[in-house]
Amino acid sequence: MSAPPGQDIDLKVRCSSAAFRWARKTFDARDGKPGEVDRGLNASFASILSVGGKRLGVTSDGIGTKVEVAERTGVYSTLGYDLLAMVADDLAANGIEPTNLTNILDVDKLDERVVDELMRGLSQAALESGVSVVGGEIAELGRRVGGWGGGMHFNWCATALGVLPDELERPIDGAQCAPGDAIVAIREHGLRSNGFSLARSILSQAHGERWHEARCQATGESWGAALLTPSRVCCTLVRALVGEGVVPHGIAHVTGGGIPDKLGRVLKVKRLGAYLGTPFEPPAFVQELVGLGQVPARVAWRHWNMGNAMLVVLAPGDVERSLAVAARGRGFEARVAGQVVEGDKIRIAQAGEAAVEAEVN
């Protein structure tokens, strides 16, 4: 099965590049002033600004059509973890410690209970991650916002701010990556907030309009519950690594575009490739999705994280210490997934499956 209409990842990349091209023209406006943009940042998941001698990071994102899964199940309290993960982990991918977040909730009509559940989940996720929610906006837009069912429909986005820790001389951006570096994967149990249009297309074809009530054979839970699995927020692990004196050479936050695009963003800085022989396996429900939709491996690995929330590129001598840090405290699951290699390709090989190969560009 190919991607459904509207899910052309290459088109999205081109559109994002066009938007950034115009945004970049505005950087001159802050040259030599507070808010000057770091133009030397390479593998960028966020922007770095200079304000009062401090280097601050900023990024924006949303949770996309995962909202529909909450509308179908009536469960809203976990979406805050997804919203926080999308922005906080983008900051962390450049070594920035997330500190503050603002959010915008666009709705067709207000439902106080739903808003309360959304914000309760965001509050819990933020407290666990050391982030303060400092502002927001709720906009009633009527028929400009749609969704599933008869309840409140909404889009939810956020902007996160952070600071580069004093331990780092410069942002983590792939410039230090070298052949032989280890690539450590951090496990993810869900889809995070990416690839839901493809997942919904598969499930609606297999189970009809009320696909969220059908049972996933692999897990026994409903498909609605499986797809609502909250994102693992990884920024605290990155901060812990830096605090222990471990400075990653690069970090890929695996969201839209999957490992090929996001790890590729890190590796292209030094024109390197990667071999991943032991990434985490996709969660059981994702494997079932792949089978239901007969999704080619190259499509699955670009739409979904396939069980890997982050990939951290490390000097070989930092691996054991990093795995120990991951296992402590919040119990992140981490393992060596592969290594950086010469060349311009990322090769992902899992037992019993054909390898996925993508060019780094």
Protein backbone atom coordinates (compact mmCIF):
# COMPACT_ATOMS: atom_id res chain seq x y z
CA MET A 1 0.00 0.00 0.00
CA SER A 2 1.31 3.43 -0.91
CA ALA A 3 0.73 6.61 1.04
CA PRO A 4 -2.82 8.03 0.91
CA PRO A 5 -3.50 11.33 -0.86
CA GLY A 6 -2.05 14.27 1.02
CA GLN A 7 0.79 12.20 2.47
CA ASP A 8 3.51 12.85 -0.10
CA ILE A 9 6.49 13.27 2.22
CA ASP A 10 8.77 14.53 -0.55
CA LEU A 11 6.23 17.25 -1.38
CA LYS A 12 6.06 18.21 2.28
CA VAL A 13 9.86 18.51 2.38
CA ARG A 14 9.82 20.78 -0.67
CA CYS A 15 7.09 22.97 0.81
CA SER A 16 8.97 23.22 4.11
CA SER A 17 12.11 24.22 2.21
CA ALA A 18 10.18 26.95 0.38
CA ALA A 19 8.78 28.28 3.66
CA PHE A 20 12.22 28.30 5.27
CA ARG A 21 13.75 30.02 2.28
CA TRP A 22 11.45 33.00 2.81
CA ALA A 23 11.88 32.92 6.59
CA ARG A 24 15.65 32.97 6.20
CA LYS A 25 15.41 36.26 4.33
CA THR A 26 14.23 37.85 7.59
CA PHE A 27 17.31 36.83 9.61
CA ASP A 28 19.05 40.08 8.64
CA ALA A 29 16.47 41.99 10.69
CA ARG A 30 18.11 40.86 13.96
CA ASP A 31 21.78 40.90 13.03
CA GLY A 32 23.78 42.45 15.87
CA LYS A 33 20.67 42.70 18.03
CA PRO A 34 19.02 40.50 20.70
CA GLY A 35 17.44 37.58 18.88
CA GLU A 36 20.23 37.24 16.31
CA VAL A 37 19.89 33.87 14.57
CA ASP A 38 22.72 31.32 14.61
CA ARG A 39 23.26 30.75 10.88
CA GLY A 40 25.99 28.19 11.48
CA LEU A 41 23.60 25.55 12.84
CA ASN A 42 23.81 22.45 10.66
CA ALA A 43 21.41 19.56 11.40
CA SER A 44 18.68 21.84 12.67
CA PHE A 45 15.61 20.61 14.52
CA ALA A 46 15.18 24.07 16.10
CA SER A 47 16.48 27.62 15.73
CA ILE A 48 19.19 29.07 18.00
CA LEU A 49 18.98 32.74 19.00
CA SER A 50 21.44 34.92 20.90
CA VAL A 51 19.76 36.93 23.67
CA GLY A 52 21.71 38.70 26.41
CA GLY A 53 24.72 36.42 26.05
CA LYS A 54 22.57 33.28 26.25
CA ARG A 55 21.84 30.91 23.39
CA LEU A 56 18.14 30.17 23.27
CA GLY A 57 16.30 27.60 21.18
CA VAL A 58 12.80 27.89 19.73
CA THR A 59 10.62 25.53 17.70
CA SER A 60 6.95 24.96 16.87
CA ASP A 61 4.90 21.86 16.01
CA GLY A 62 1.54 20.18 16.56
CA ILE A 63 -0.01 16.75 16.98
CA GLY A 64 -1.71 16.55 13.60
CA THR A 65 -4.50 14.06 12.98
CA LYS A 66 -3.81 12.06 16.13
CA VAL A 67 -6.57 14.35 17.41
CA GLU A 68 -9.10 12.19 15.55
CA VAL A 69 -8.13 9.12 17.58
CA ALA A 70 -8.96 11.04 20.77
CA GLU A 71 -12.27 12.16 19.25
CA ARG A 72 -13.12 8.54 18.45
CA THR A 73 -12.13 7.11 21.83
CA GLY A 74 -13.17 10.00 24.06
CA VAL A 75 -9.74 9.93 25.73
CA TYR A 76 -7.96 13.30 25.66
CA SER A 77 -5.63 13.26 28.65
CA THR A 78 -2.63 11.70 26.86
CA LEU A 79 -2.38 14.13 23.95
CA GLY A 80 -0.38 16.58 26.08
CA TYR A 81 2.51 14.11 26.08
CA ASP A 82 2.43 14.07 22.29
CA LEU A 83 2.35 17.85 22.02
CA LEU A 84 5.23 18.26 24.46
CA ALA A 85 7.31 15.53 22.81
CA MET A 86 6.99 17.07 19.36
CA VAL A 87 8.52 20.39 20.41
CA ALA A 88 10.63 19.56 23.47
CA ASP A 89 12.41 16.68 21.73
CA ASP A 90 13.09 18.82 18.67
CA LEU A 91 14.89 21.24 20.97
CA ALA A 92 16.72 18.36 22.67
CA ALA A 93 17.90 17.08 19.28
CA ASN A 94 20.16 20.14 19.13
CA GLY A 95 21.18 19.80 22.77
CA ILE A 96 18.81 22.53 24.00
CA GLU A 97 17.15 22.10 27.39
CA PRO A 98 13.41 22.88 27.00
CA THR A 99 12.23 25.40 29.60
CA ASN A 100 8.93 26.94 28.52
CA LEU A 101 5.98 26.23 26.26
CA THR A 102 3.03 28.12 24.84
CA ASN A 103 0.16 26.46 22.99
CA ILE A 104 -2.70 27.33 20.64
CA LEU A 105 -5.96 25.37 20.63
CA ASP A 106 -8.17 26.06 17.60
CA VAL A 107 -11.70 24.69 18.13
CA ASP A 108 -15.02 24.70 16.33
CA LYS A 109 -16.92 24.95 19.63
CA LEU A 110 -15.89 24.77 23.26
CA ASP A 111 -16.26 21.79 25.58
CA GLU A 112 -14.95 22.57 29.05
CA ARG A 113 -14.39 18.92 29.98
CA VAL A 114 -12.28 18.25 26.89
CA VAL A 115 -10.20 21.40 27.38
CA ASP A 116 -9.64 20.44 31.01
CA GLU A 117 -8.46 16.94 30.04
CA LEU A 118 -6.14 18.26 27.35
CA MET A 119 -4.50 20.77 29.66
CA ARG A 120 -4.31 18.30 32.56
CA GLY A 121 -2.31 15.94 30.35
CA LEU A 122 -0.06 18.73 29.12
CA SER A 123 0.52 19.89 32.69
CA GLN A 124 1.51 16.38 33.79
CA ALA A 125 3.87 15.91 30.84
CA ALA A 126 5.45 19.32 31.38
CA LEU A 127 6.01 18.78 35.11
CA GLU A 128 7.65 15.41 34.44
CA SER A 129 9.95 17.05 31.89
CA GLY A 130 10.84 20.19 33.85
CA VAL A 131 8.98 22.50 31.46
CA SER A 132 6.75 25.43 32.40
CA VAL A 133 3.61 26.16 30.35
CA VAL A 134 3.62 29.95 30.28
CA GLY A 135 0.92 30.92 27.82
CA GLY A 136 -1.71 29.88 25.35
CA GLU A 137 -4.68 30.82 23.23
CA ILE A 138 -8.04 29.19 22.58
CA ALA A 139 -9.66 30.33 19.33
CA GLU A 140 -13.26 29.46 18.38
CA LEU A 141 -13.27 29.13 14.61
CA GLY A 142 -16.60 27.44 13.94
CA ARG A 143 -16.79 25.52 10.68
CA ARG A 144 -13.16 26.32 9.86
CA VAL A 145 -12.28 23.36 12.12
CA GLY A 146 -13.68 19.86 11.53
CA GLY A 147 -13.29 16.36 12.87
CA TRP A 148 -14.97 13.06 13.75
CA GLY A 149 -18.22 12.76 15.66
CA GLY A 150 -20.36 15.40 17.29
CA GLY A 151 -18.06 16.70 20.03
CA MET A 152 -15.53 19.51 20.14
CA HIS A 153 -13.15 19.38 17.18
CA PHE A 154 -9.75 20.99 17.38
CA ASN A 155 -6.18 21.45 16.20
CA TRP A 156 -3.45 21.74 18.84
CA CYS A 157 -0.01 23.26 18.32
CA ALA A 158 2.77 24.60 20.54
CA THR A 159 5.94 26.63 20.56
CA ALA A 160 8.72 25.64 22.95
CA LEU A 161 11.65 27.68 24.19
CA GLY A 162 14.86 26.42 25.75
CA VAL A 163 18.42 27.25 26.64
CA LEU A 164 21.69 25.69 25.55
CA PRO A 165 23.30 24.24 28.73
CA ASP A 166 26.56 25.77 29.91
CA GLU A 167 28.23 22.37 29.49
CA LEU A 168 27.88 22.65 25.70
CA GLU A 169 30.18 24.94 23.77
CA ARG A 170 27.85 24.85 20.78
CA PRO A 171 24.64 23.14 19.69
CA ILE A 172 24.67 19.44 18.82
CA ASP A 173 24.27 19.44 15.03
CA GLY A 174 26.07 16.49 13.46
CA ALA A 175 29.30 18.36 12.77
CA GLN A 176 31.24 15.97 15.04
CA CYS A 177 29.93 12.73 13.53
CA ALA A 178 32.59 10.36 12.23
CA PRO A 179 32.78 6.86 10.77
CA GLY A 180 32.75 4.31 13.58
CA ASP A 181 30.52 6.38 15.87
CA ALA A 182 27.86 4.30 17.58
CA ILE A 183 24.15 4.97 17.02
CA VAL A 184 22.05 4.34 20.14
CA ALA A 185 18.27 4.03 19.77
CA ILE A 186 15.72 5.11 22.39
CA ARG A 187 12.63 2.94 22.33
CA GLU A 188 9.16 4.20 21.41
CA HIS A 189 5.99 2.17 22.01
CA GLY A 190 3.65 4.14 19.77
CA LEU A 191 3.48 6.19 16.58
CA ARG A 192 4.26 9.47 18.38
CA SER A 193 2.32 12.06 16.28
CA ASN A 194 3.24 11.03 12.77
CA GLY A 195 1.84 8.77 10.07
CA PHE A 196 -1.74 8.74 11.31
CA SER A 197 -3.29 9.42 7.92
CA LEU A 198 -1.70 6.24 6.58
CA ALA A 199 -2.71 4.27 9.70
CA ARG A 200 -6.32 5.48 9.51
CA SER A 201 -6.50 4.69 5.80
CA ILE A 202 -5.35 1.11 6.44
CA LEU A 203 -7.74 0.56 9.34
CA SER A 204 -10.77 2.07 7.64
CA GLN A 205 -10.25 -0.26 4.67
CA ALA A 206 -9.80 -3.27 6.96
CA HIS A 207 -12.50 -2.55 9.56
CA GLY A 208 -14.81 0.14 8.21
CA GLU A 209 -15.89 3.49 9.61
CA ARG A 210 -15.73 2.41 13.27
CA TRP A 211 -12.27 0.96 12.98
CA HIS A 212 -11.29 2.36 16.37
CA GLU A 213 -13.57 -0.21 18.06
CA ALA A 214 -12.07 -3.21 16.25
CA ARG A 215 -9.54 -5.34 18.12
CA CYS A 216 -5.86 -5.44 17.31
CA GLN A 217 -5.03 -9.15 17.16
CA ALA A 218 -1.44 -8.58 18.25
CA THR A 219 -2.29 -6.83 21.52
CA GLY A 220 -5.97 -7.56 22.24
CA GLU A 221 -6.72 -3.87 22.75
CA SER A 222 -8.86 -1.71 20.52
CA TRP A 223 -7.21 -0.04 17.57
CA GLY A 224 -8.24 3.29 19.04
CA ALA A 225 -6.32 2.55 22.25
CA ALA A 226 -3.28 1.29 20.33
CA LEU A 227 -3.01 4.38 18.16
CA LEU A 228 -3.50 6.66 21.17
CA THR A 229 -0.33 5.35 22.85
CA PRO A 230 1.32 8.53 24.20
CA SER A 231 4.74 9.66 22.98
CA ARG A 232 7.85 9.04 25.03
CA VAL A 233 9.34 12.42 25.95
CA CYS A 234 13.12 12.08 25.61
CA CYS A 235 14.43 15.56 26.43
CA THR A 236 15.17 14.67 30.05
CA LEU A 237 17.47 11.87 28.89
CA VAL A 238 19.44 14.20 26.64
CA ARG A 239 19.81 16.65 29.53
CA ALA A 240 20.96 13.82 31.82
CA LEU A 241 23.58 12.70 29.28
CA VAL A 242 25.00 16.21 28.95
CA GLY A 243 24.99 16.57 32.74
CA GLU A 244 27.06 13.39 32.98
CA GLY A 245 29.62 14.83 30.57
CA VAL A 246 28.44 12.88 27.52
CA VAL A 247 28.20 15.14 24.46
CA PRO A 248 26.45 13.35 21.58
CA HIS A 249 27.86 13.98 18.12
CA GLY A 250 24.35 14.12 16.70
CA ILE A 251 20.74 13.41 17.68
CA ALA A 252 17.85 12.49 15.39
CA HIS A 253 14.31 13.01 16.70
CA VAL A 254 12.43 10.42 14.65
CA THR A 255 9.16 12.00 13.50
CA GLY A 256 7.74 12.61 9.99
CA GLY A 257 10.06 11.15 7.36
CA GLY A 258 11.20 8.48 9.78
CA ILE A 259 14.78 7.37 10.29
CA PRO A 260 15.83 7.96 6.65
CA ASP A 261 14.93 11.65 6.77
CA LYS A 262 15.71 12.52 10.37
CA LEU A 263 18.98 10.58 10.76
CA GLY A 264 19.82 11.69 7.24
CA ARG A 265 19.50 15.31 8.37
CA VAL A 266 22.20 14.67 10.98
CA LEU A 267 24.56 12.66 8.78
CA LYS A 268 24.47 14.87 5.70
CA VAL A 269 26.46 17.52 7.58
CA LYS A 270 29.62 15.40 7.17
CA ARG A 271 28.35 13.48 4.12
CA LEU A 272 28.24 10.19 5.98
CA GLY A 273 25.99 7.14 5.99
CA ALA A 274 24.82 4.60 8.57
CA TYR A 275 24.22 0.91 9.01
CA LEU A 276 21.44 0.02 11.46
CA GLY A 277 21.39 -3.71 12.12
CA THR A 278 19.68 -3.70 15.50
CA PRO A 279 17.17 -0.84 15.82
CA PHE A 280 14.23 -1.52 18.11
CA GLU A 281 11.55 -3.59 16.42
CA PRO A 282 8.26 -1.87 15.64
CA PRO A 283 5.57 -2.32 18.31
CA ALA A 284 3.34 -5.33 17.70
CA PHE A 285 0.40 -3.20 16.56
CA VAL A 286 2.60 -1.38 14.03
CA GLN A 287 3.75 -4.71 12.62
CA GLU A 288 0.08 -5.69 12.28
CA LEU A 289 -0.64 -2.38 10.54
CA VAL A 290 2.14 -3.09 8.05
CA GLY A 291 0.63 -6.48 7.31
CA LEU A 292 -2.95 -5.25 7.06
CA GLY A 293 -2.01 -2.56 4.59
CA GLN A 294 0.68 -4.56 2.82
CA VAL A 295 2.86 -1.49 3.35
CA PRO A 296 6.26 -1.69 1.62
CA ALA A 297 9.14 -1.40 4.06
CA ARG A 298 10.43 1.78 2.39
CA VAL A 299 7.03 3.43 2.98
CA ALA A 300 6.67 2.22 6.58
CA TRP A 301 10.12 3.41 7.60
CA ARG A 302 9.48 6.91 6.23
CA HIS A 303 6.00 7.34 7.73
CA TRP A 304 6.54 5.83 11.18
CA ASN A 305 9.31 5.77 13.77
CA MET A 306 9.07 1.94 13.79
CA GLY A 307 9.84 1.69 17.51
CA ASN A 308 12.61 4.29 17.70
CA ALA A 309 11.88 7.68 19.29
CA MET A 310 15.42 9.04 19.02
CA LEU A 311 18.77 8.01 17.60
CA VAL A 312 21.80 9.35 19.46
CA VAL A 313 25.19 9.36 17.71
CA LEU A 314 28.00 8.79 20.22
CA ALA A 315 31.73 8.33 20.33
CA PRO A 316 32.33 4.59 20.96
CA GLY A 317 33.85 5.34 24.36
CA ASP A 318 30.62 7.01 25.55
CA VAL A 319 28.28 4.14 24.80
CA GLU A 320 28.34 2.16 28.06
CA ARG A 321 27.99 5.26 30.21
CA SER A 322 25.10 6.48 28.06
CA LEU A 323 23.24 3.16 28.30
CA ALA A 324 23.65 3.27 32.08
CA VAL A 325 22.26 6.82 32.24
CA ALA A 326 19.27 5.75 30.13
CA ALA A 327 18.49 2.82 32.42
CA ARG A 328 18.52 4.94 35.58
CA GLY A 329 15.65 7.04 36.86
CA ARG A 330 12.85 7.06 34.33
CA GLY A 331 13.98 3.81 32.77
CA PHE A 332 14.44 4.66 29.12
CA GLU A 333 15.04 1.58 27.00
CA ALA A 334 18.16 2.10 24.92
CA ARG A 335 20.47 -0.08 22.87
CA VAL A 336 23.11 0.17 20.19
CA ALA A 337 21.28 0.15 16.88
CA GLY A 338 24.22 0.50 14.51
CA GLN A 339 27.06 2.78 13.51
CA VAL A 340 28.05 5.65 11.27
CA VAL A 341 29.81 4.56 8.08
CA GLU A 342 31.47 6.09 5.06
CA GLY A 343 29.20 6.72 2.10
CA ASP A 344 25.91 8.47 1.44
CA LYS A 345 23.35 5.82 2.35
CA ILE A 346 21.41 4.73 5.42
CA ARG A 347 20.83 0.98 5.47
CA ILE A 348 18.33 -0.51 7.92
CA ALA A 349 18.38 -4.28 8.25
CA GLN A 350 16.17 -6.34 10.57
CA ALA A 351 16.13 -10.12 10.95
CA GLY A 352 13.82 -11.79 8.46
CA GLU A 353 13.09 -8.61 6.52
CA ALA A 354 14.51 -7.03 3.39
CA ALA A 355 16.86 -4.16 4.11
CA VAL A 356 15.67 -0.59 3.65
CA GLU A 357 18.17 1.68 1.97
CA ALA A 358 17.88 5.44 1.63
CA GLU A 359 20.23 8.07 0.27
CA VAL A 360 21.44 10.83 2.60
CA ASN A 361 20.72 14.13 0.88
